[in-house]
């Protein structure tokens, strides 16, 4: 960033996607795929889908969605004159889709044992913005998308019935000590 808050010539910025951010904020996790279908060219939508898959331990899906997000972001960045290895600053909110996608790709590749791919994604992320990995770790953790149990829980095994009888009768209380 320059002093007047405009990006440096060597820093790229993805197009802002307020309609996608709005759609994602209104969608529950089960409808993120619908947002992707409506905004198929959006890296932000695809990385949101990768995050959902990652939070559900669907590692293959997470990798696939993250790779699509990375590719779409790179296409958009290249169209604006960006070259791989140039900065893509976290400070620009629109760029976070690309940076998060690189991190999602790295995590999924690592879990699948694709260590070379994970290392490339980590290197690309560090080259784009050295502060991004720490920001992602603190702001976009997979635990933010913990799956919610939707199946009914079994009934509690303990009885909820109150003991019957006179409360002053100590012999009625189970395990009550008796005076001799």
N, C-alpha and C. Protein backbone atom coordinates (compact mmCIF):
# COMPACT_ATOMS: atom_id res chain seq x y z
N UNK A 1 0.84 -1.17 0.00
CA UNK A 1 0.00 0.00 0.00
C UNK A 1 0.89 1.24 0.00
N UNK A 2 0.46 2.22 -0.73
CA UNK A 2 1.15 3.50 -0.71
C UNK A 2 0.58 4.32 0.44
N UNK A 3 1.17 5.49 0.68
CA UNK A 3 0.69 6.33 1.78
C UNK A 3 -0.74 6.81 1.57
N UNK A 4 -1.17 6.93 0.31
CA UNK A 4 -2.56 7.37 0.06
C UNK A 4 -3.53 6.18 0.01
N UNK A 5 -3.08 5.01 0.53
CA UNK A 5 -3.91 3.81 0.65
C UNK A 5 -4.32 3.19 -0.68
N UNK A 6 -3.57 3.43 -1.74
CA UNK A 6 -3.81 2.74 -3.00
C UNK A 6 -2.78 1.63 -3.13
N UNK A 7 -3.12 0.54 -3.82
CA UNK A 7 -2.16 -0.56 -3.95
C UNK A 7 -0.92 -0.14 -4.72
N UNK A 8 0.24 -0.68 -4.31
CA UNK A 8 1.46 -0.48 -5.08
C UNK A 8 1.26 -1.09 -6.46
N UNK A 9 2.04 -0.64 -7.43
CA UNK A 9 1.93 -1.17 -8.78
C UNK A 9 2.21 -2.68 -8.80
N UNK A 10 3.10 -3.16 -7.90
CA UNK A 10 3.44 -4.58 -7.88
C UNK A 10 2.47 -5.40 -7.03
N UNK A 11 1.46 -4.76 -6.45
CA UNK A 11 0.47 -5.48 -5.65
C UNK A 11 -0.82 -5.62 -6.44
N UNK A 12 -1.33 -6.81 -6.46
CA UNK A 12 -2.56 -7.08 -7.20
C UNK A 12 -3.76 -7.09 -6.25
N UNK A 13 -4.92 -6.79 -6.82
CA UNK A 13 -6.15 -6.80 -6.03
C UNK A 13 -7.23 -7.49 -6.85
N UNK A 14 -7.87 -8.49 -6.23
CA UNK A 14 -9.02 -9.15 -6.87
C UNK A 14 -10.20 -8.20 -6.88
N UNK A 15 -11.13 -8.46 -7.77
CA UNK A 15 -12.35 -7.67 -7.82
C UNK A 15 -13.15 -7.91 -6.54
N UNK A 16 -13.74 -6.84 -6.03
CA UNK A 16 -14.59 -6.97 -4.85
C UNK A 16 -15.87 -7.70 -5.24
N UNK A 17 -16.38 -8.53 -4.35
CA UNK A 17 -17.58 -9.32 -4.64
C UNK A 17 -18.61 -9.15 -3.52
N UNK A 18 -19.17 -7.95 -3.37
CA UNK A 18 -20.11 -7.73 -2.27
C UNK A 18 -21.35 -8.62 -2.35
N UNK A 19 -21.80 -8.92 -3.56
CA UNK A 19 -23.00 -9.76 -3.69
C UNK A 19 -22.72 -11.20 -3.25
N UNK A 20 -21.50 -11.66 -3.47
CA UNK A 20 -21.13 -13.01 -3.03
C UNK A 20 -20.97 -13.02 -1.51
N UNK A 21 -20.31 -12.00 -0.96
CA UNK A 21 -20.19 -11.92 0.50
C UNK A 21 -21.57 -11.91 1.15
N UNK A 22 -22.50 -11.15 0.57
CA UNK A 22 -23.86 -11.08 1.11
C UNK A 22 -24.55 -12.44 1.03
N UNK A 23 -24.45 -13.09 -0.12
CA UNK A 23 -25.09 -14.40 -0.30
C UNK A 23 -24.51 -15.42 0.68
N UNK A 24 -23.20 -15.39 0.89
CA UNK A 24 -22.58 -16.32 1.83
C UNK A 24 -22.99 -16.02 3.26
N UNK A 25 -23.13 -14.75 3.59
CA UNK A 25 -23.52 -14.41 4.96
C UNK A 25 -24.96 -14.83 5.26
N UNK A 26 -25.78 -14.94 4.23
CA UNK A 26 -27.18 -15.34 4.40
C UNK A 26 -27.40 -16.84 4.26
N UNK A 27 -26.41 -17.54 3.73
CA UNK A 27 -26.55 -18.99 3.48
C UNK A 27 -26.07 -19.77 4.69
N UNK A 28 -26.80 -20.85 5.01
CA UNK A 28 -26.27 -21.76 6.01
C UNK A 28 -25.31 -22.70 5.28
N UNK A 29 -24.60 -23.49 6.05
CA UNK A 29 -23.55 -24.33 5.46
C UNK A 29 -24.08 -25.27 4.38
N UNK A 30 -25.32 -25.69 4.49
CA UNK A 30 -25.90 -26.59 3.50
C UNK A 30 -26.24 -25.92 2.18
N UNK A 31 -26.21 -24.59 2.16
CA UNK A 31 -26.56 -23.86 0.95
C UNK A 31 -25.38 -23.13 0.30
N UNK A 32 -24.18 -23.37 0.80
CA UNK A 32 -22.99 -22.73 0.21
C UNK A 32 -22.79 -23.21 -1.23
N UNK A 33 -23.08 -24.48 -1.50
CA UNK A 33 -22.95 -24.99 -2.87
C UNK A 33 -23.89 -24.24 -3.81
N UNK A 34 -25.05 -23.85 -3.32
CA UNK A 34 -25.98 -23.06 -4.13
C UNK A 34 -25.41 -21.69 -4.45
N UNK A 35 -24.69 -21.10 -3.51
CA UNK A 35 -24.04 -19.81 -3.76
C UNK A 35 -22.97 -19.99 -4.84
N UNK A 36 -22.23 -21.10 -4.77
CA UNK A 36 -21.22 -21.38 -5.79
C UNK A 36 -21.88 -21.53 -7.15
N UNK A 37 -23.01 -22.23 -7.21
CA UNK A 37 -23.71 -22.42 -8.49
C UNK A 37 -24.15 -21.08 -9.07
N UNK A 38 -24.56 -20.16 -8.21
CA UNK A 38 -25.00 -18.84 -8.68
C UNK A 38 -23.83 -17.93 -9.04
N UNK A 39 -22.66 -18.19 -8.45
CA UNK A 39 -21.48 -17.34 -8.66
C UNK A 39 -20.28 -18.24 -8.97
N UNK A 40 -20.39 -19.02 -10.02
CA UNK A 40 -19.39 -20.05 -10.33
C UNK A 40 -18.00 -19.51 -10.64
N UNK A 41 -17.88 -18.25 -10.98
CA UNK A 41 -16.56 -17.68 -11.27
C UNK A 41 -15.95 -16.97 -10.06
N UNK A 42 -16.58 -17.12 -8.90
CA UNK A 42 -16.13 -16.42 -7.70
C UNK A 42 -15.16 -17.26 -6.87
N UNK A 43 -13.91 -16.81 -6.74
CA UNK A 43 -12.99 -17.52 -5.85
C UNK A 43 -13.49 -17.53 -4.40
N UNK A 44 -14.15 -16.45 -3.99
CA UNK A 44 -14.67 -16.36 -2.63
C UNK A 44 -15.71 -17.45 -2.36
N UNK A 45 -16.61 -17.68 -3.29
CA UNK A 45 -17.62 -18.72 -3.11
C UNK A 45 -16.97 -20.10 -3.04
N UNK A 46 -16.01 -20.35 -3.91
CA UNK A 46 -15.35 -21.67 -3.93
C UNK A 46 -14.54 -21.92 -2.66
N UNK A 47 -13.86 -20.89 -2.14
CA UNK A 47 -13.08 -21.11 -0.92
C UNK A 47 -14.02 -21.31 0.27
N UNK A 48 -15.18 -20.69 0.26
CA UNK A 48 -16.16 -20.94 1.33
C UNK A 48 -16.60 -22.40 1.28
N UNK A 49 -16.81 -22.93 0.08
CA UNK A 49 -17.19 -24.33 -0.06
C UNK A 49 -16.04 -25.25 0.39
N UNK A 50 -14.81 -24.87 0.09
CA UNK A 50 -13.65 -25.64 0.55
C UNK A 50 -13.59 -25.65 2.08
N UNK A 51 -13.89 -24.52 2.70
CA UNK A 51 -13.88 -24.45 4.16
C UNK A 51 -14.95 -25.36 4.77
N UNK A 52 -16.12 -25.39 4.15
CA UNK A 52 -17.19 -26.28 4.65
C UNK A 52 -16.73 -27.74 4.53
N UNK A 53 -16.20 -28.10 3.38
CA UNK A 53 -15.74 -29.48 3.19
C UNK A 53 -14.64 -29.83 4.19
N UNK A 54 -13.71 -28.90 4.41
CA UNK A 54 -12.63 -29.12 5.36
C UNK A 54 -13.18 -29.33 6.77
N UNK A 55 -14.16 -28.54 7.16
CA UNK A 55 -14.73 -28.66 8.50
C UNK A 55 -15.49 -29.97 8.69
N UNK A 56 -15.90 -30.58 7.60
CA UNK A 56 -16.61 -31.86 7.65
C UNK A 56 -15.69 -33.04 7.36
N UNK A 57 -14.39 -32.78 7.34
CA UNK A 57 -13.36 -33.80 7.09
C UNK A 57 -13.49 -34.45 5.72
N UNK A 58 -14.03 -33.73 4.76
CA UNK A 58 -14.10 -34.22 3.37
C UNK A 58 -12.89 -33.65 2.64
N UNK A 59 -11.74 -34.26 2.90
CA UNK A 59 -10.46 -33.72 2.45
C UNK A 59 -10.35 -33.65 0.93
N UNK A 60 -10.80 -34.69 0.23
CA UNK A 60 -10.73 -34.68 -1.24
C UNK A 60 -11.56 -33.53 -1.80
N UNK A 61 -12.76 -33.34 -1.27
CA UNK A 61 -13.61 -32.23 -1.73
C UNK A 61 -12.95 -30.89 -1.41
N UNK A 62 -12.40 -30.77 -0.20
CA UNK A 62 -11.76 -29.52 0.19
C UNK A 62 -10.62 -29.17 -0.76
N UNK A 63 -9.82 -30.17 -1.12
CA UNK A 63 -8.72 -29.92 -2.05
C UNK A 63 -9.25 -29.48 -3.41
N UNK A 64 -10.23 -30.19 -3.92
CA UNK A 64 -10.77 -29.85 -5.24
C UNK A 64 -11.35 -28.44 -5.26
N UNK A 65 -12.14 -28.09 -4.25
CA UNK A 65 -12.76 -26.76 -4.21
C UNK A 65 -11.69 -25.67 -4.05
N UNK A 66 -10.67 -25.95 -3.23
CA UNK A 66 -9.61 -24.97 -3.03
C UNK A 66 -8.82 -24.74 -4.32
N UNK A 67 -8.55 -25.82 -5.05
CA UNK A 67 -7.81 -25.69 -6.31
C UNK A 67 -8.60 -24.85 -7.31
N UNK A 68 -9.91 -25.06 -7.38
CA UNK A 68 -10.74 -24.24 -8.27
C UNK A 68 -10.66 -22.78 -7.84
N UNK A 69 -10.76 -22.51 -6.53
CA UNK A 69 -10.70 -21.13 -6.03
C UNK A 69 -9.36 -20.49 -6.38
N UNK A 70 -8.27 -21.22 -6.19
CA UNK A 70 -6.94 -20.70 -6.52
C UNK A 70 -6.85 -20.39 -8.01
N UNK A 71 -7.29 -21.33 -8.86
CA UNK A 71 -7.21 -21.12 -10.31
C UNK A 71 -8.03 -19.92 -10.76
N UNK A 72 -9.25 -19.79 -10.24
CA UNK A 72 -10.09 -18.65 -10.61
C UNK A 72 -9.46 -17.33 -10.17
N UNK A 73 -8.93 -17.32 -8.96
CA UNK A 73 -8.29 -16.10 -8.46
C UNK A 73 -7.07 -15.74 -9.31
N UNK A 74 -6.27 -16.73 -9.65
CA UNK A 74 -5.08 -16.46 -10.47
C UNK A 74 -5.47 -15.93 -11.85
N UNK A 75 -6.53 -16.49 -12.42
CA UNK A 75 -7.00 -15.98 -13.72
C UNK A 75 -7.40 -14.52 -13.61
N UNK A 76 -8.14 -14.17 -12.57
CA UNK A 76 -8.57 -12.78 -12.39
C UNK A 76 -7.39 -11.86 -12.11
N UNK A 77 -6.46 -12.32 -11.29
CA UNK A 77 -5.28 -11.50 -11.00
C UNK A 77 -4.43 -11.30 -12.25
N UNK A 78 -4.24 -12.37 -13.02
CA UNK A 78 -3.44 -12.27 -14.25
C UNK A 78 -4.08 -11.32 -15.25
N UNK A 79 -5.40 -11.31 -15.30
CA UNK A 79 -6.11 -10.41 -16.22
C UNK A 79 -5.86 -8.94 -15.86
N UNK A 80 -5.50 -8.69 -14.60
CA UNK A 80 -5.21 -7.31 -14.20
C UNK A 80 -3.71 -7.02 -14.20
N UNK A 81 -2.91 -7.93 -14.77
CA UNK A 81 -1.48 -7.69 -14.91
C UNK A 81 -0.59 -8.35 -13.88
N UNK A 82 -1.15 -9.12 -12.99
CA UNK A 82 -0.39 -9.80 -11.94
C UNK A 82 0.39 -10.96 -12.53
N UNK A 83 1.55 -11.24 -11.96
CA UNK A 83 2.35 -12.42 -12.31
C UNK A 83 2.58 -13.23 -11.05
N UNK A 84 2.61 -14.56 -11.17
CA UNK A 84 2.87 -15.38 -9.98
C UNK A 84 4.15 -14.93 -9.27
N UNK A 85 4.08 -14.89 -7.96
CA UNK A 85 5.21 -14.44 -7.16
C UNK A 85 5.07 -13.00 -6.71
N UNK A 86 4.20 -12.23 -7.36
CA UNK A 86 3.98 -10.85 -6.94
C UNK A 86 3.04 -10.82 -5.75
N UNK A 87 3.12 -9.72 -5.02
CA UNK A 87 2.32 -9.59 -3.80
C UNK A 87 0.82 -9.53 -4.09
N UNK A 88 0.08 -10.15 -3.19
CA UNK A 88 -1.39 -10.10 -3.18
C UNK A 88 -1.73 -9.82 -1.72
N UNK A 89 -1.80 -8.55 -1.32
CA UNK A 89 -1.86 -8.21 0.10
C UNK A 89 -3.16 -8.60 0.81
N UNK A 90 -3.00 -9.13 2.00
CA UNK A 90 -4.12 -9.48 2.88
C UNK A 90 -4.94 -8.23 3.21
N UNK A 91 -4.30 -7.08 3.27
CA UNK A 91 -4.99 -5.84 3.64
C UNK A 91 -6.17 -5.54 2.72
N UNK A 92 -6.13 -6.03 1.50
CA UNK A 92 -7.25 -5.87 0.57
C UNK A 92 -8.21 -7.03 0.79
N UNK A 93 -9.40 -6.75 1.32
CA UNK A 93 -10.34 -7.81 1.68
C UNK A 93 -10.63 -8.77 0.53
N UNK A 94 -10.75 -8.26 -0.67
CA UNK A 94 -11.06 -9.12 -1.82
C UNK A 94 -9.97 -10.18 -2.05
N UNK A 95 -8.72 -9.85 -1.71
CA UNK A 95 -7.61 -10.78 -1.91
C UNK A 95 -7.64 -11.97 -0.95
N UNK A 96 -8.39 -11.85 0.11
CA UNK A 96 -8.41 -12.91 1.12
C UNK A 96 -8.95 -14.22 0.56
N UNK A 97 -9.79 -14.14 -0.46
CA UNK A 97 -10.29 -15.38 -1.07
C UNK A 97 -9.13 -16.18 -1.65
N UNK A 98 -8.23 -15.52 -2.36
CA UNK A 98 -7.07 -16.20 -2.95
C UNK A 98 -6.15 -16.75 -1.86
N UNK A 99 -5.87 -15.92 -0.87
CA UNK A 99 -4.95 -16.32 0.19
C UNK A 99 -5.53 -17.47 1.01
N UNK A 100 -6.80 -17.40 1.33
CA UNK A 100 -7.46 -18.49 2.07
C UNK A 100 -7.50 -19.76 1.23
N UNK A 101 -7.70 -19.62 -0.08
CA UNK A 101 -7.74 -20.79 -0.97
C UNK A 101 -6.38 -21.48 -1.00
N UNK A 102 -5.31 -20.70 -1.06
CA UNK A 102 -3.97 -21.30 -1.01
C UNK A 102 -3.77 -22.07 0.29
N UNK A 103 -4.24 -21.50 1.39
CA UNK A 103 -4.09 -22.17 2.67
C UNK A 103 -4.96 -23.42 2.74
N UNK A 104 -6.17 -23.36 2.22
CA UNK A 104 -7.05 -24.54 2.20
C UNK A 104 -6.43 -25.64 1.34
N UNK A 105 -5.85 -25.25 0.21
CA UNK A 105 -5.17 -26.24 -0.65
C UNK A 105 -4.00 -26.86 0.11
N UNK A 106 -3.23 -26.04 0.80
CA UNK A 106 -2.08 -26.54 1.56
C UNK A 106 -2.52 -27.54 2.63
N UNK A 107 -3.54 -27.19 3.40
CA UNK A 107 -4.01 -28.09 4.47
C UNK A 107 -4.50 -29.42 3.91
N UNK A 108 -5.32 -29.36 2.87
CA UNK A 108 -5.87 -30.59 2.29
C UNK A 108 -4.77 -31.44 1.67
N UNK A 109 -3.86 -30.81 0.96
CA UNK A 109 -2.76 -31.56 0.34
C UNK A 109 -1.90 -32.23 1.41
N UNK A 110 -1.65 -31.53 2.48
CA UNK A 110 -0.86 -32.11 3.58
C UNK A 110 -1.56 -33.33 4.16
N UNK A 111 -2.86 -33.24 4.39
CA UNK A 111 -3.62 -34.36 4.95
C UNK A 111 -3.64 -35.57 4.02
N UNK A 112 -3.58 -35.31 2.73
CA UNK A 112 -3.59 -36.39 1.75
C UNK A 112 -2.20 -36.94 1.46
N UNK A 113 -1.20 -36.37 2.09
CA UNK A 113 0.17 -36.84 1.86
C UNK A 113 0.79 -36.27 0.60
N UNK A 114 0.19 -35.24 0.04
CA UNK A 114 0.73 -34.58 -1.16
C UNK A 114 1.68 -33.47 -0.70
N UNK A 115 2.80 -33.86 -0.14
CA UNK A 115 3.69 -32.92 0.54
C UNK A 115 4.28 -31.88 -0.41
N UNK A 116 4.65 -32.27 -1.63
CA UNK A 116 5.19 -31.29 -2.58
C UNK A 116 4.14 -30.23 -2.91
N UNK A 117 2.92 -30.67 -3.13
CA UNK A 117 1.84 -29.73 -3.44
C UNK A 117 1.59 -28.80 -2.25
N UNK A 118 1.60 -29.36 -1.05
CA UNK A 118 1.39 -28.56 0.16
C UNK A 118 2.50 -27.52 0.31
N UNK A 119 3.74 -27.92 0.04
CA UNK A 119 4.86 -26.98 0.13
C UNK A 119 4.75 -25.88 -0.91
N UNK A 120 4.33 -26.21 -2.13
CA UNK A 120 4.15 -25.19 -3.17
C UNK A 120 3.07 -24.19 -2.76
N UNK A 121 1.96 -24.70 -2.23
CA UNK A 121 0.88 -23.80 -1.81
C UNK A 121 1.36 -22.90 -0.67
N UNK A 122 2.12 -23.46 0.28
CA UNK A 122 2.65 -22.66 1.38
C UNK A 122 3.62 -21.60 0.87
N UNK A 123 4.46 -21.96 -0.09
CA UNK A 123 5.41 -21.00 -0.67
C UNK A 123 4.68 -19.91 -1.44
N UNK A 124 3.65 -20.28 -2.20
CA UNK A 124 2.86 -19.28 -2.93
C UNK A 124 2.17 -18.33 -1.97
N UNK A 125 1.66 -18.87 -0.87
CA UNK A 125 0.98 -18.05 0.13
C UNK A 125 1.97 -17.07 0.77
N UNK A 126 3.14 -17.55 1.14
CA UNK A 126 4.15 -16.68 1.75
C UNK A 126 4.64 -15.62 0.78
N UNK A 127 4.75 -15.97 -0.51
CA UNK A 127 5.18 -14.99 -1.51
C UNK A 127 4.11 -13.93 -1.73
N UNK A 128 2.86 -14.34 -1.68
CA UNK A 128 1.76 -13.39 -1.90
C UNK A 128 1.67 -12.39 -0.76
N UNK A 129 1.77 -12.86 0.46
CA UNK A 129 1.76 -11.98 1.63
C UNK A 129 2.31 -12.77 2.82
N UNK A 130 3.51 -12.42 3.27
CA UNK A 130 4.13 -13.18 4.37
C UNK A 130 3.31 -13.19 5.66
N UNK A 131 2.45 -12.20 5.86
CA UNK A 131 1.63 -12.14 7.07
C UNK A 131 0.35 -12.96 6.95
N UNK A 132 -0.01 -13.37 5.76
CA UNK A 132 -1.29 -14.06 5.53
C UNK A 132 -1.44 -15.36 6.31
N UNK A 133 -0.42 -16.23 6.37
CA UNK A 133 -0.64 -17.48 7.12
C UNK A 133 -1.06 -17.26 8.57
N UNK A 134 -0.43 -16.30 9.23
CA UNK A 134 -0.79 -16.02 10.63
C UNK A 134 -2.19 -15.42 10.72
N UNK A 135 -2.54 -14.56 9.79
CA UNK A 135 -3.88 -13.95 9.80
C UNK A 135 -4.95 -15.01 9.57
N UNK A 136 -4.70 -15.91 8.63
CA UNK A 136 -5.66 -16.98 8.35
C UNK A 136 -5.81 -17.87 9.57
N UNK A 137 -4.69 -18.23 10.18
CA UNK A 137 -4.73 -19.11 11.35
C UNK A 137 -5.53 -18.49 12.49
N UNK A 138 -5.48 -17.17 12.60
CA UNK A 138 -6.19 -16.54 13.71
C UNK A 138 -7.62 -16.15 13.37
N UNK A 139 -7.93 -15.96 12.09
CA UNK A 139 -9.25 -15.46 11.71
C UNK A 139 -10.13 -16.47 10.98
N UNK A 140 -9.53 -17.48 10.38
CA UNK A 140 -10.30 -18.44 9.57
C UNK A 140 -9.92 -19.86 9.91
N UNK A 141 -10.17 -20.26 11.12
CA UNK A 141 -9.84 -21.62 11.53
C UNK A 141 -10.96 -22.57 11.13
N UNK A 142 -10.62 -23.81 10.81
CA UNK A 142 -11.67 -24.77 10.46
C UNK A 142 -12.70 -24.97 11.57
N UNK A 143 -12.31 -24.71 12.82
CA UNK A 143 -13.28 -24.89 13.91
C UNK A 143 -14.39 -23.86 13.88
N UNK A 144 -14.25 -22.83 13.08
CA UNK A 144 -15.34 -21.87 12.95
C UNK A 144 -16.51 -22.49 12.21
N UNK A 145 -16.27 -23.60 11.57
CA UNK A 145 -17.32 -24.28 10.80
C UNK A 145 -17.54 -25.69 11.35
N UNK A 146 -17.61 -25.82 12.65
CA UNK A 146 -17.81 -27.13 13.27
C UNK A 146 -19.17 -27.68 12.86
N UNK A 147 -19.22 -28.94 12.42
CA UNK A 147 -20.52 -29.52 12.06
C UNK A 147 -21.46 -29.57 13.26
N UNK A 148 -22.69 -29.32 13.01
CA UNK A 148 -23.71 -29.36 14.05
C UNK A 148 -24.41 -30.71 13.97
N UNK A 149 -24.61 -31.35 15.12
CA UNK A 149 -25.30 -32.64 15.15
C UNK A 149 -26.76 -32.40 14.81
N UNK A 150 -27.23 -33.06 13.77
CA UNK A 150 -28.61 -32.85 13.35
C UNK A 150 -29.51 -34.04 13.66
N UNK A 151 -28.93 -35.17 14.04
CA UNK A 151 -29.73 -36.34 14.37
C UNK A 151 -30.24 -36.19 15.80
N UNK A 152 -31.42 -36.70 16.08
CA UNK A 152 -31.92 -36.61 17.46
C UNK A 152 -31.01 -37.39 18.40
N UNK A 153 -30.80 -36.82 19.56
CA UNK A 153 -29.99 -37.50 20.56
C UNK A 153 -30.82 -38.56 21.27
N UNK A 154 -30.20 -39.65 21.71
CA UNK A 154 -30.96 -40.68 22.44
C UNK A 154 -31.42 -40.11 23.77
N UNK A 155 -32.51 -40.65 24.32
CA UNK A 155 -32.99 -40.14 25.61
C UNK A 155 -31.94 -40.36 26.69
N UNK A 156 -31.93 -39.46 27.63
CA UNK A 156 -30.99 -39.53 28.75
C UNK A 156 -31.31 -40.76 29.59
N UNK A 157 -30.33 -41.58 29.94
CA UNK A 157 -30.62 -42.83 30.65
C UNK A 157 -31.05 -42.62 32.10
N UNK A 158 -30.69 -41.52 32.71
CA UNK A 158 -31.06 -41.30 34.11
C UNK A 158 -32.52 -40.91 34.21
N UNK A 159 -33.16 -41.36 35.25
CA UNK A 159 -34.57 -41.05 35.47
C UNK A 159 -34.71 -39.61 35.91
N UNK A 160 -35.76 -38.97 35.45
CA UNK A 160 -36.04 -37.60 35.86
C UNK A 160 -37.19 -37.55 36.85
N UNK A 161 -37.67 -38.73 37.28
CA UNK A 161 -38.76 -38.77 38.25
C UNK A 161 -38.25 -38.39 39.63
N UNK A 162 -39.03 -37.61 40.35
CA UNK A 162 -38.69 -37.23 41.71
C UNK A 162 -39.03 -38.40 42.63
N UNK A 163 -38.24 -38.61 43.67
CA UNK A 163 -38.56 -39.69 44.60
C UNK A 163 -39.89 -39.42 45.30
N UNK A 164 -40.65 -40.48 45.49
CA UNK A 164 -41.95 -40.36 46.14
C UNK A 164 -41.79 -40.54 47.64
N UNK A 165 -42.74 -40.07 48.38
CA UNK A 165 -42.74 -40.28 49.82
C UNK A 165 -42.55 -38.99 50.57
N UNK A 166 -42.53 -39.12 51.87
CA UNK A 166 -42.39 -37.97 52.76
C UNK A 166 -40.92 -37.56 52.80
N UNK A 167 -40.60 -36.29 52.45
CA UNK A 167 -39.21 -35.86 52.44
C UNK A 167 -38.56 -35.92 53.81
N UNK A 168 -39.35 -35.94 54.89
CA UNK A 168 -38.76 -36.01 56.22
C UNK A 168 -38.43 -37.44 56.63
N UNK A 169 -38.91 -38.40 55.86
CA UNK A 169 -38.65 -39.81 56.16
C UNK A 169 -37.30 -40.18 55.57
N UNK A 170 -36.27 -40.23 56.42
CA UNK A 170 -34.92 -40.51 55.95
C UNK A 170 -34.78 -41.90 55.36
N UNK A 171 -35.59 -42.82 55.79
CA UNK A 171 -35.47 -44.18 55.27
C UNK A 171 -35.91 -44.27 53.82
N UNK A 172 -36.67 -43.26 53.34
CA UNK A 172 -37.12 -43.26 51.95
C UNK A 172 -36.03 -42.80 51.01
N UNK A 173 -35.06 -42.09 51.54
CA UNK A 173 -33.98 -41.57 50.68
C UNK A 173 -32.97 -42.68 50.43
N UNK A 174 -32.68 -42.95 49.14
CA UNK A 174 -31.71 -43.99 48.84
C UNK A 174 -30.34 -43.60 49.38
N UNK A 175 -29.70 -44.54 50.02
CA UNK A 175 -28.34 -44.30 50.51
C UNK A 175 -28.29 -43.42 51.73
N UNK A 176 -29.44 -43.14 52.35
CA UNK A 176 -29.45 -42.26 53.50
C UNK A 176 -28.84 -42.98 54.70
N UNK A 177 -28.09 -42.25 55.48
CA UNK A 177 -27.49 -42.82 56.69
C UNK A 177 -28.56 -42.93 57.77
N UNK A 178 -28.54 -44.00 58.50
CA UNK A 178 -29.52 -44.20 59.57
C UNK A 178 -28.83 -43.99 60.92
N UNK A 179 -29.59 -43.43 61.81
CA UNK A 179 -29.07 -43.30 63.17
C UNK A 179 -29.39 -44.56 63.93
N UNK A 180 -28.47 -45.04 64.69
CA UNK A 180 -28.72 -46.25 65.49
C UNK A 180 -29.03 -45.91 66.90
